[in-house]
Amino acid sequence: MRTFNKIRNELERQFLEMLQFNINVPSSVYAKYYFDLRSLAEDNELTFPAEPLSKERAKKLEAMSRVFEDKITAEFLKNGIKKWSSLDNISSSTIARKSIAILS
């Protein structure tokens, strides 16, 4: 039984790699981004095919999400509401950053 479980786990790992599923990402984080991207695509009348996301399509969705984020930030600033920001937008010349962490 123990050997069977090891073989099954290895087969699952290889299957996920073949699907190009990043096994280092927690499923909750993966699902969150999947549904966020799906909603963003639907809001902008884009189809969201049941196939892996291409780099070109990912860049387009990321650009649209940045535009939306900038719009929200401008609204917050206009209304005097402070918004927390991550260090992702700070250049490396301004501050030394060692790693990027994803918190879910």
PDB file of N, CA and C in Angstrom:
ATOM      1  N   MET A   1       0.825  -1.195   0.000  1.00  0.00           N
ATOM      2  CA  MET A   1       0.000   0.000   0.000  1.00  0.00           C
ATOM      3  C   MET A   1       0.871   1.261   0.000  1.00  0.00           C
ATOM      4  N   ARG A   2       1.928   1.237   0.772  1.00  0.00           N
ATOM      5  CA  ARG A   2       2.801   2.394   0.871  1.00  0.00           C
ATOM      6  C   ARG A   2       3.461   2.706  -0.471  1.00  0.00           C
ATOM      7  N   THR A   3       3.905   1.691  -1.172  1.00  0.00           N
ATOM      8  CA  THR A   3       4.525   1.863  -2.482  1.00  0.00           C
ATOM      9  C   THR A   3       3.518   2.417  -3.484  1.00  0.00           C
ATOM     10  N   PHE A   4       2.288   1.930  -3.415  1.00  0.00           N
ATOM     11  CA  PHE A   4       1.236   2.419  -4.302  1.00  0.00           C
ATOM     12  C   PHE A   4       1.020   3.924  -4.111  1.00  0.00           C
ATOM     13  N   ASN A   5       0.992   4.386  -2.871  1.00  0.00           N
ATOM     14  CA  ASN A   5       0.801   5.817  -2.596  1.00  0.00           C
ATOM     15  C   ASN A   5       1.953   6.652  -3.143  1.00  0.00           C
ATOM     16  N   LYS A   6       3.170   6.156  -3.013  1.00  0.00           N
ATOM     17  CA  LYS A   6       4.324   6.883  -3.556  1.00  0.00           C
ATOM     18  C   LYS A   6       4.230   6.995  -5.072  1.00  0.00           C
ATOM     19  N   ILE A   7       3.862   5.882  -5.714  1.00  0.00           N
ATOM     20  CA  ILE A   7       3.731   5.880  -7.173  1.00  0.00           C
ATOM     21  C   ILE A   7       2.611   6.823  -7.603  1.00  0.00           C
ATOM     22  N   ARG A   8       1.481   6.770  -6.905  1.00  0.00           N
ATOM     23  CA  ARG A   8       0.351   7.639  -7.238  1.00  0.00           C
ATOM     24  C   ARG A   8       0.730   9.116  -7.069  1.00  0.00           C
ATOM     25  N   ASN A   9       1.400   9.445  -5.974  1.00  0.00           N
ATOM     26  CA  ASN A   9       1.822  10.830  -5.749  1.00  0.00           C
ATOM     27  C   ASN A   9       2.766  11.306  -6.846  1.00  0.00           C
ATOM     28  N   GLU A  10       3.684  10.452  -7.258  1.00  0.00           N
ATOM     29  CA  GLU A  10       4.618  10.817  -8.323  1.00  0.00           C
ATOM     30  C   GLU A  10       3.885  11.013  -9.646  1.00  0.00           C
ATOM     31  N   LEU A  11       2.925  10.139  -9.944  1.00  0.00           N
ATOM     32  CA  LEU A  11       2.132  10.288 -11.170  1.00  0.00           C
ATOM     33  C   LEU A  11       1.332  11.591 -11.153  1.00  0.00           C
ATOM     34  N   GLU A  12       0.741  11.920 -10.007  1.00  0.00           N
ATOM     35  CA  GLU A  12      -0.008  13.179  -9.888  1.00  0.00           C
ATOM     36  C   GLU A  12       0.908  14.376 -10.100  1.00  0.00           C
ATOM     37  N   ARG A  13       2.105  14.324  -9.505  1.00  0.00           N
ATOM     38  CA  ARG A  13       3.056  15.427  -9.651  1.00  0.00           C
ATOM     39  C   ARG A  13       3.445  15.606 -11.114  1.00  0.00           C
ATOM     40  N   GLN A  14       3.743  14.505 -11.800  1.00  0.00           N
ATOM     41  CA  GLN A  14       4.122  14.581 -13.210  1.00  0.00           C
ATOM     42  C   GLN A  14       2.960  15.075 -14.072  1.00  0.00           C
ATOM     43  N   PHE A  15       1.752  14.629 -13.757  1.00  0.00           N
ATOM     44  CA  PHE A  15       0.567  15.072 -14.495  1.00  0.00           C
ATOM     45  C   PHE A  15       0.388  16.582 -14.360  1.00  0.00           C
ATOM     46  N   LEU A  16       0.520  17.101 -13.135  1.00  0.00           N
ATOM     47  CA  LEU A  16       0.368  18.541 -12.918  1.00  0.00           C
ATOM     48  C   LEU A  16       1.460  19.327 -13.635  1.00  0.00           C
ATOM     49  N   GLU A  17       2.668  18.806 -13.662  1.00  0.00           N
ATOM     50  CA  GLU A  17       3.741  19.479 -14.392  1.00  0.00           C
ATOM     51  C   GLU A  17       3.451  19.503 -15.885  1.00  0.00           C
ATOM     52  N   MET A  18       2.873  18.417 -16.413  1.00  0.00           N
ATOM     53  CA  MET A  18       2.522  18.377 -17.837  1.00  0.00           C
ATOM     54  C   MET A  18       1.445  19.413 -18.163  1.00  0.00           C
ATOM     55  N   LEU A  19       0.575  19.682 -17.205  1.00  0.00           N
ATOM     56  CA  LEU A  19      -0.450  20.712 -17.381  1.00  0.00           C
ATOM     57  C   LEU A  19       0.120  22.110 -17.169  1.00  0.00           C
ATOM     58  N   GLN A  20       1.399  22.178 -16.829  1.00  0.00           N
ATOM     59  CA  GLN A  20       2.099  23.424 -16.506  1.00  0.00           C
ATOM     60  C   GLN A  20       1.479  24.094 -15.288  1.00  0.00           C
ATOM     61  N   PHE A  21       1.010  23.290 -14.360  1.00  0.00           N
ATOM     62  CA  PHE A  21       0.475  23.770 -13.091  1.00  0.00           C
ATOM     63  C   PHE A  21       1.651  23.944 -12.151  1.00  0.00           C
ATOM     64  N   ASN A  22       1.803  25.132 -11.612  1.00  0.00           N
ATOM     65  CA  ASN A  22       2.917  25.399 -10.705  1.00  0.00           C
ATOM     66  C   ASN A  22       2.600  24.750  -9.363  1.00  0.00           C
ATOM     67  N   ILE A  23       3.252  23.629  -9.089  1.00  0.00           N
ATOM     68  CA  ILE A  23       2.940  22.901  -7.866  1.00  0.00           C
ATOM     69  C   ILE A  23       3.485  23.593  -6.620  1.00  0.00           C
ATOM     70  N   ASN A  24       4.227  24.668  -6.787  1.00  0.00           N
ATOM     71  CA  ASN A  24       4.747  25.410  -5.649  1.00  0.00           C
ATOM     72  C   ASN A  24       3.792  26.501  -5.185  1.00  0.00           C
ATOM     73  N   VAL A  25       2.682  26.672  -5.876  1.00  0.00           N
ATOM     74  CA  VAL A  25       1.698  27.689  -5.515  1.00  0.00           C
ATOM     75  C   VAL A  25       0.555  27.007  -4.773  1.00  0.00           C
ATOM     76  N   PRO A  26       0.193  27.505  -3.584  1.00  0.00           N
ATOM     77  CA  PRO A  26      -0.940  26.907  -2.872  1.00  0.00           C
ATOM     78  C   PRO A  26      -2.207  26.992  -3.721  1.00  0.00           C
ATOM     79  N   SER A  27      -3.032  25.983  -3.646  1.00  0.00           N
ATOM     80  CA  SER A  27      -4.241  25.942  -4.479  1.00  0.00           C
ATOM     81  C   SER A  27      -5.160  27.123  -4.207  1.00  0.00           C
ATOM     82  N   SER A  28      -5.191  27.618  -2.972  1.00  0.00           N
ATOM     83  CA  SER A  28      -6.055  28.765  -2.652  1.00  0.00           C
ATOM     84  C   SER A  28      -5.599  30.014  -3.402  1.00  0.00           C
ATOM     85  N   VAL A  29      -4.291  30.212  -3.520  1.00  0.00           N
ATOM     86  CA  VAL A  29      -3.756  31.364  -4.248  1.00  0.00           C
ATOM     87  C   VAL A  29      -4.018  31.198  -5.741  1.00  0.00           C
ATOM     88  N   TYR A  30      -3.783  29.994  -6.253  1.00  0.00           N
ATOM     89  CA  TYR A  30      -4.020  29.717  -7.667  1.00  0.00           C
ATOM     90  C   TYR A  30      -5.486  29.970  -8.016  1.00  0.00           C
ATOM     91  N   ALA A  31      -6.397  29.462  -7.188  1.00  0.00           N
ATOM     92  CA  ALA A  31      -7.837  29.629  -7.438  1.00  0.00           C
ATOM     93  C   ALA A  31      -8.232  31.097  -7.367  1.00  0.00           C
ATOM     94  N   LYS A  32      -7.684  31.829  -6.406  1.00  0.00           N
ATOM     95  CA  LYS A  32      -8.013  33.253  -6.268  1.00  0.00           C
ATOM     96  C   LYS A  32      -7.666  34.001  -7.549  1.00  0.00           C
ATOM     97  N   TYR A  33      -6.449  33.815  -8.043  1.00  0.00           N
ATOM     98  CA  TYR A  33      -6.040  34.518  -9.257  1.00  0.00           C
ATOM     99  C   TYR A  33      -6.808  34.033 -10.480  1.00  0.00           C
ATOM    100  N   TYR A  34      -7.112  32.750 -10.532  1.00  0.00           N
ATOM    101  CA  TYR A  34      -7.888  32.217 -11.655  1.00  0.00           C
ATOM    102  C   TYR A  34      -9.243  32.920 -11.739  1.00  0.00           C
ATOM    103  N   PHE A  35      -9.956  32.999 -10.609  1.00  0.00           N
ATOM    104  CA  PHE A  35     -11.284  33.600 -10.634  1.00  0.00           C
ATOM    105  C   PHE A  35     -11.225  35.121 -10.790  1.00  0.00           C
ATOM    106  N   ASP A  36     -10.175  35.751 -10.257  1.00  0.00           N
ATOM    107  CA  ASP A  36     -10.001  37.193 -10.482  1.00  0.00           C
ATOM    108  C   ASP A  36      -9.794  37.478 -11.969  1.00  0.00           C
ATOM    109  N   LEU A  37      -8.944  36.689 -12.618  1.00  0.00           N
ATOM    110  CA  LEU A  37      -8.700  36.876 -14.052  1.00  0.00           C
ATOM    111  C   LEU A  37      -9.949  36.567 -14.868  1.00  0.00           C
ATOM    112  N   ARG A  38     -10.682  35.555 -14.467  1.00  0.00           N
ATOM    113  CA  ARG A  38     -11.917  35.203 -15.176  1.00  0.00           C
ATOM    114  C   ARG A  38     -12.934  36.342 -15.082  1.00  0.00           C
ATOM    115  N   SER A  39     -13.097  36.914 -13.895  1.00  0.00           N
ATOM    116  CA  SER A  39     -14.021  38.041 -13.717  1.00  0.00           C
ATOM    117  C   SER A  39     -13.575  39.248 -14.523  1.00  0.00           C
ATOM    118  N   LEU A  40     -12.283  39.527 -14.505  1.00  0.00           N
ATOM    119  CA  LEU A  40     -11.744  40.652 -15.259  1.00  0.00           C
ATOM    120  C   LEU A  40     -12.002  40.473 -16.751  1.00  0.00           C
ATOM    121  N   ALA A  41     -11.808  39.275 -17.246  1.00  0.00           N
ATOM    122  CA  ALA A  41     -12.053  39.001 -18.666  1.00  0.00           C
ATOM    123  C   ALA A  41     -13.531  39.189 -19.007  1.00  0.00           C
ATOM    124  N   GLU A  42     -14.417  38.678 -18.166  1.00  0.00           N
ATOM    125  CA  GLU A  42     -15.854  38.811 -18.415  1.00  0.00           C
ATOM    126  C   GLU A  42     -16.288  40.271 -18.368  1.00  0.00           C
ATOM    127  N   ASP A  43     -15.748  41.042 -17.422  1.00  0.00           N
ATOM    128  CA  ASP A  43     -16.094  42.463 -17.305  1.00  0.00           C
ATOM    129  C   ASP A  43     -15.689  43.249 -18.545  1.00  0.00           C
ATOM    130  N   ASN A  44     -14.662  42.783 -19.230  1.00  0.00           N
ATOM    131  CA  ASN A  44     -14.168  43.470 -20.426  1.00  0.00           C
ATOM    132  C   ASN A  44     -14.583  42.759 -21.709  1.00  0.00           C
ATOM    133  N   GLU A  45     -15.615  41.932 -21.598  1.00  0.00           N
ATOM    134  CA  GLU A  45     -16.203  41.220 -22.732  1.00  0.00           C
ATOM    135  C   GLU A  45     -15.171  40.401 -23.512  1.00  0.00           C
ATOM    136  N   LEU A  46     -14.276  39.779 -22.786  1.00  0.00           N
ATOM    137  CA  LEU A  46     -13.300  38.879 -23.392  1.00  0.00           C
ATOM    138  C   LEU A  46     -13.707  37.449 -23.069  1.00  0.00           C
ATOM    139  N   THR A  47     -13.468  36.566 -23.995  1.00  0.00           N
ATOM    140  CA  THR A  47     -13.757  35.166 -23.703  1.00  0.00           C
ATOM    141  C   THR A  47     -12.652  34.615 -22.822  1.00  0.00           C
ATOM    142  N   PHE A  48     -13.005  33.677 -22.014  1.00  0.00           N
ATOM    143  CA  PHE A  48     -12.027  33.047 -21.133  1.00  0.00           C
ATOM    144  C   PHE A  48     -12.036  31.561 -21.442  1.00  0.00           C
ATOM    145  N   PRO A  49     -11.222  31.150 -22.421  1.00  0.00           N
ATOM    146  CA  PRO A  49     -11.263  29.753 -22.877  1.00  0.00           C
ATOM    147  C   PRO A  49     -10.785  28.770 -21.807  1.00  0.00           C
ATOM    148  N   ALA A  50     -11.230  27.548 -21.926  1.00  0.00           N
ATOM    149  CA  ALA A  50     -10.814  26.493 -20.998  1.00  0.00           C
ATOM    150  C   ALA A  50      -9.497  25.891 -21.477  1.00  0.00           C
ATOM    151  N   GLU A  51      -8.485  26.727 -21.545  1.00  0.00           N
ATOM    152  CA  GLU A  51      -7.153  26.298 -21.971  1.00  0.00           C
ATOM    153  C   GLU A  51      -6.135  27.121 -21.201  1.00  0.00           C
ATOM    154  N   PRO A  52      -4.881  26.710 -21.186  1.00  0.00           N
ATOM    155  CA  PRO A  52      -3.868  27.475 -20.453  1.00  0.00           C
ATOM    156  C   PRO A  52      -3.780  28.922 -20.959  1.00  0.00           C
ATOM    157  N   LEU A  53      -3.502  29.808 -20.048  1.00  0.00           N
ATOM    158  CA  LEU A  53      -3.384  31.226 -20.364  1.00  0.00           C
ATOM    159  C   LEU A  53      -2.054  31.473 -21.073  1.00  0.00           C
ATOM    160  N   SER A  54      -2.113  32.076 -22.266  1.00  0.00           N
ATOM    161  CA  SER A  54      -0.880  32.373 -23.002  1.00  0.00           C
ATOM    162  C   SER A  54      -0.196  33.589 -22.379  1.00  0.00           C
ATOM    163  N   LYS A  55       1.083  33.740 -22.659  1.00  0.00           N
ATOM    164  CA  LYS A  55       1.819  34.888 -22.117  1.00  0.00           C
ATOM    165  C   LYS A  55       1.238  36.198 -22.634  1.00  0.00           C
ATOM    166  N   GLU A  56       0.875  36.217 -23.914  1.00  0.00           N
ATOM    167  CA  GLU A  56       0.310  37.432 -24.514  1.00  0.00           C
ATOM    168  C   GLU A  56      -1.002  37.821 -23.830  1.00  0.00           C
ATOM    169  N   ARG A  57      -1.863  36.845 -23.640  1.00  0.00           N
ATOM    170  CA  ARG A  57      -3.157  37.100 -22.998  1.00  0.00           C
ATOM    171  C   ARG A  57      -2.968  37.507 -21.529  1.00  0.00           C
ATOM    172  N   ALA A  58      -2.017  36.877 -20.856  1.00  0.00           N
ATOM    173  CA  ALA A  58      -1.734  37.217 -19.462  1.00  0.00           C
ATOM    174  C   ALA A  58      -1.252  38.660 -19.350  1.00  0.00           C
ATOM    175  N   LYS A  59      -0.390  39.076 -20.285  1.00  0.00           N
ATOM    176  CA  LYS A  59       0.104  40.459 -20.268  1.00  0.00           C
ATOM    177  C   LYS A  59      -1.031  41.451 -20.500  1.00  0.00           C
ATOM    178  N   LYS A  60      -1.951  41.106 -21.409  1.00  0.00           N
ATOM    179  CA  LYS A  60      -3.081  41.984 -21.695  1.00  0.00           C
ATOM    180  C   LYS A  60      -3.982  42.128 -20.462  1.00  0.00           C
ATOM    181  N   LEU A  61      -4.281  41.008 -19.800  1.00  0.00           N
ATOM    182  CA  LEU A  61      -5.114  41.058 -18.597  1.00  0.00           C
ATOM    183  C   LEU A  61      -4.406  41.798 -17.463  1.00  0.00           C
ATOM    184  N   GLU A  62      -3.093  41.602 -17.352  1.00  0.00           N
ATOM    185  CA  GLU A  62      -2.335  42.301 -16.316  1.00  0.00           C
ATOM    186  C   GLU A  62      -2.361  43.806 -16.561  1.00  0.00           C
ATOM    187  N   ALA A  63      -2.220  44.213 -17.825  1.00  0.00           N
ATOM    188  CA  ALA A  63      -2.255  45.640 -18.163  1.00  0.00           C
ATOM    189  C   ALA A  63      -3.617  46.229 -17.813  1.00  0.00           C
ATOM    190  N   MET A  64      -4.690  45.492 -18.128  1.00  0.00           N
ATOM    191  CA  MET A  64      -6.032  45.989 -17.797  1.00  0.00           C
ATOM    192  C   MET A  64      -6.223  46.083 -16.289  1.00  0.00           C
ATOM    193  N   SER A  65      -5.682  45.124 -15.541  1.00  0.00           N
ATOM    194  CA  SER A  65      -5.842  45.172 -14.090  1.00  0.00           C
ATOM    195  C   SER A  65      -5.054  46.336 -13.498  1.00  0.00           C
ATOM    196  N   ARG A  66      -3.901  46.655 -14.090  1.00  0.00           N
ATOM    197  CA  ARG A  66      -3.129  47.815 -13.608  1.00  0.00           C
ATOM    198  C   ARG A  66      -3.878  49.119 -13.862  1.00  0.00           C
ATOM    199  N   VAL A  67      -4.512  49.225 -15.036  1.00  0.00           N
ATOM    200  CA  VAL A  67      -5.309  50.417 -15.349  1.00  0.00           C
ATOM    201  C   VAL A  67      -6.427  50.557 -14.323  1.00  0.00           C
ATOM    202  N   PHE A  68      -7.106  49.451 -14.025  1.00  0.00           N
ATOM    203  CA  PHE A  68      -8.188  49.468 -13.046  1.00  0.00           C
ATOM    204  C   PHE A  68      -7.653  49.845 -11.668  1.00  0.00           C
ATOM    205  N   GLU A  69      -6.515  49.271 -11.280  1.00  0.00           N
ATOM    206  CA  GLU A  69      -5.923  49.578  -9.980  1.00  0.00           C
ATOM    207  C   GLU A  69      -5.545  51.057  -9.893  1.00  0.00           C
ATOM    208  N   ASP A  70      -4.977  51.604 -10.978  1.00  0.00           N
ATOM    209  CA  ASP A  70      -4.628  53.026 -10.999  1.00  0.00           C
ATOM    210  C   ASP A  70      -5.871  53.898 -10.866  1.00  0.00           C
ATOM    211  N   LYS A  71      -6.962  53.476 -11.508  1.00  0.00           N
ATOM    212  CA  LYS A  71      -8.216  54.218 -11.435  1.00  0.00           C
ATOM    213  C   LYS A  71      -8.741  54.241  -9.996  1.00  0.00           C
ATOM    214  N   ILE A  72      -8.712  53.097  -9.336  1.00  0.00           N
ATOM    215  CA  ILE A  72      -9.172  52.995  -7.948  1.00  0.00           C
ATOM    216  C   ILE A  72      -8.286  53.837  -7.034  1.00  0.00           C
ATOM    217  N   THR A  73      -6.975  53.760  -7.239  1.00  0.00           N
ATOM    218  CA  THR A  73      -6.045  54.545  -6.428  1.00  0.00           C
ATOM    219  C   THR A  73      -6.316  56.035  -6.589  1.00  0.00           C
ATOM    220  N   ALA A  74      -6.558  56.477  -7.820  1.00  0.00           N
ATOM    221  CA  ALA A  74      -6.864  57.887  -8.069  1.00  0.00           C
ATOM    222  C   ALA A  74      -8.146  58.295  -7.346  1.00  0.00           C
ATOM    223  N   GLU A  75      -9.151  57.419  -7.346  1.00  0.00           N
ATOM    224  CA  GLU A  75     -10.404  57.697  -6.628  1.00  0.00           C
ATOM    225  C   GLU A  75     -10.143  57.831  -5.129  1.00  0.00           C
ATOM    226  N   PHE A  76      -9.337  56.924  -4.582  1.00  0.00           N
ATOM    227  CA  PHE A  76      -9.019  56.982  -3.158  1.00  0.00           C
ATOM    228  C   PHE A  76      -8.323  58.295  -2.815  1.00  0.00           C
ATOM    229  N   LEU A  77      -7.335  58.661  -3.624  1.00  0.00           N
ATOM    230  CA  LEU A  77      -6.590  59.890  -3.364  1.00  0.00           C
ATOM    231  C   LEU A  77      -7.488  61.114  -3.476  1.00  0.00           C
ATOM    232  N   LYS A  78      -8.378  61.098  -4.469  1.00  0.00           N
ATOM    233  CA  LYS A  78      -9.296  62.216  -4.671  1.00  0.00           C
ATOM    234  C   LYS A  78     -10.218  62.382  -3.466  1.00  0.00           C
ATOM    235  N   ASN A  79     -10.608  61.265  -2.869  1.00  0.00           N
ATOM    236  CA  ASN A  79     -11.518  61.301  -1.723  1.00  0.00           C
ATOM    237  C   ASN A  79     -10.787  61.354  -0.387  1.00  0.00           C
ATOM    238  N   GLY A  80      -9.477  61.475  -0.422  1.00  0.00           N
ATOM    239  CA  GLY A  80      -8.693  61.585   0.800  1.00  0.00           C
ATOM    240  C   GLY A  80      -8.525  60.273   1.549  1.00  0.00           C
ATOM    241  N   ILE A  81      -8.761  59.167   0.876  1.00  0.00           N
ATOM    242  CA  ILE A  81      -8.619  57.857   1.511  1.00  0.00           C
ATOM    243  C   ILE A  81      -7.215  57.340   1.233  1.00  0.00           C
ATOM    244  N   LYS A  82      -6.525  56.923   2.288  1.00  0.00           N
ATOM    245  CA  LYS A  82      -5.185  56.374   2.104  1.00  0.00           C
ATOM    246  C   LYS A  82      -5.295  54.905   1.728  1.00  0.00           C
ATOM    247  N   LYS A  83      -4.439  54.480   0.840  1.00  0.00           N
ATOM    248  CA  LYS A  83      -4.449  53.094   0.369  1.00  0.00           C
ATOM    249  C   LYS A  83      -3.078  52.483   0.629  1.00  0.00           C
ATOM    250  N   TRP A  84      -3.080  51.298   1.196  1.00  0.00           N
ATOM    251  CA  TRP A  84      -1.822  50.599   1.399  1.00  0.00           C
ATOM    252  C   TRP A  84      -1.307  50.118   0.058  1.00  0.00           C
ATOM    253  N   SER A  85      -0.008  50.101  -0.083  1.00  0.00           N
ATOM    254  CA  SER A  85       0.590  49.642  -1.335  1.00  0.00           C
ATOM    255  C   SER A  85       1.704  48.656  -1.015  1.00  0.00           C
ATOM    256  N   SER A  86       1.965  47.770  -1.928  1.00  0.00           N
ATOM    257  CA  SER A  86       3.046  46.807  -1.722  1.00  0.00           C
ATOM    258  C   SER A  86       4.356  47.413  -2.205  1.00  0.00           C
ATOM    259  N   LEU A  87       5.428  46.717  -1.950  1.00  0.00           N
ATOM    260  CA  LEU A  87       6.741  47.164  -2.411  1.00  0.00           C
ATOM    261  C   LEU A  87       7.000  46.780  -3.859  1.00  0.00           C
ATOM    262  N   ASP A  88       6.030  46.124  -4.519  1.00  0.00           N
ATOM    263  CA  ASP A  88       6.226  45.704  -5.903  1.00  0.00           C
ATOM    264  C   ASP A  88       6.473  46.877  -6.841  1.00  0.00           C
ATOM    265  N   ASN A  89       5.913  48.039  -6.531  1.00  0.00           N
ATOM    266  CA  ASN A  89       6.018  49.186  -7.424  1.00  0.00           C
ATOM    267  C   ASN A  89       7.226  50.073  -7.132  1.00  0.00           C
ATOM    268  N   ILE A  90       8.031  49.703  -6.156  1.00  0.00           N
ATOM    269  CA  ILE A  90       9.206  50.492  -5.799  1.00  0.00           C
ATOM    270  C   ILE A  90      10.406  49.919  -6.540  1.00  0.00           C
ATOM    271  N   SER A  91      11.149  50.790  -7.203  1.00  0.00           N
ATOM    272  CA  SER A  91      12.290  50.304  -7.988  1.00  0.00           C
ATOM    273  C   SER A  91      13.409  49.839  -7.066  1.00  0.00           C
ATOM    274  N   SER A  92      14.242  48.956  -7.586  1.00  0.00           N
ATOM    275  CA  SER A  92      15.321  48.391  -6.777  1.00  0.00           C
ATOM    276  C   SER A  92      16.385  49.430  -6.428  1.00  0.00           C
ATOM    277  N   SER A  93      16.440  50.525  -7.187  1.00  0.00           N
ATOM    278  CA  SER A  93      17.427  51.559  -6.870  1.00  0.00           C
ATOM    279  C   SER A  93      17.017  52.349  -5.633  1.00  0.00           C
ATOM    280  N   THR A  94      15.705  52.359  -5.341  1.00  0.00           N
ATOM    281  CA  THR A  94      15.202  53.093  -4.188  1.00  0.00           C
ATOM    282  C   THR A  94      15.371  52.296  -2.905  1.00  0.00           C
ATOM    283  N   ILE A  95      15.090  51.017  -2.981  1.00  0.00           N
ATOM    284  CA  ILE A  95      15.126  50.176  -1.788  1.00  0.00           C
ATOM    285  C   ILE A  95      15.594  48.779  -2.177  1.00  0.00           C
ATOM    286  N   ALA A  96      16.409  48.185  -1.342  1.00  0.00           N
ATOM    287  CA  ALA A  96      16.875  46.820  -1.613  1.00  0.00           C
ATOM    288  C   ALA A  96      15.811  45.838  -1.136  1.00  0.00           C
ATOM    289  N   ARG A  97      15.376  44.990  -2.034  1.00  0.00           N
ATOM    290  CA  ARG A  97      14.352  44.006  -1.689  1.00  0.00           C
ATOM    291  C   ARG A  97      14.912  42.621  -1.961  1.00  0.00           C
ATOM    292  N   LYS A  98      14.778  41.733  -0.998  1.00  0.00           N
ATOM    293  CA  LYS A  98      15.396  40.418  -1.124  1.00  0.00           C
ATOM    294  C   LYS A  98      14.507  39.400  -1.810  1.00  0.00           C
ATOM    295  N   SER A  99      13.206  39.411  -1.554  1.00  0.00           N
ATOM    296  CA  SER A  99      12.338  38.399  -2.155  1.00  0.00           C
ATOM    297  C   SER A  99      10.903  38.895  -2.224  1.00  0.00           C
ATOM    298  N   ILE A 100      10.112  38.194  -3.034  1.00  0.00           N
ATOM    299  CA  ILE A 100       8.694  38.488  -3.163  1.00  0.00           C
ATOM    300  C   ILE A 100       7.942  37.383  -2.438  1.00  0.00           C
ATOM    301  N   ALA A 101       6.979  37.745  -1.629  1.00  0.00           N
ATOM    302  CA  ALA A 101       6.187  36.747  -0.911  1.00  0.00           C
ATOM    303  C   ALA A 101       4.732  36.892  -1.297  1.00  0.00           C
ATOM    304  N   ILE A 102       4.047  35.763  -1.425  1.00  0.00           N
ATOM    305  CA  ILE A 102       2.612  35.766  -1.690  1.00  0.00           C
ATOM    306  C   ILE A 102       1.918  35.315  -0.418  1.00  0.00           C
ATOM    307  N   LEU A 103       1.065  36.158   0.089  1.00  0.00           N
ATOM    308  CA  LEU A 103       0.309  35.821   1.287  1.00  0.00           C
ATOM    309  C   LEU A 103      -1.127  35.568   0.896  1.00  0.00           C
ATOM    310  N   SER A 104      -1.688  34.518   1.404  1.00  0.00           N
ATOM    311  CA  SER A 104      -3.083  34.235   1.064  1.00  0.00           C
ATOM    312  C   SER A 104      -3.949  34.264   2.293  1.00  0.00           C
TER     313      SER A 104
END
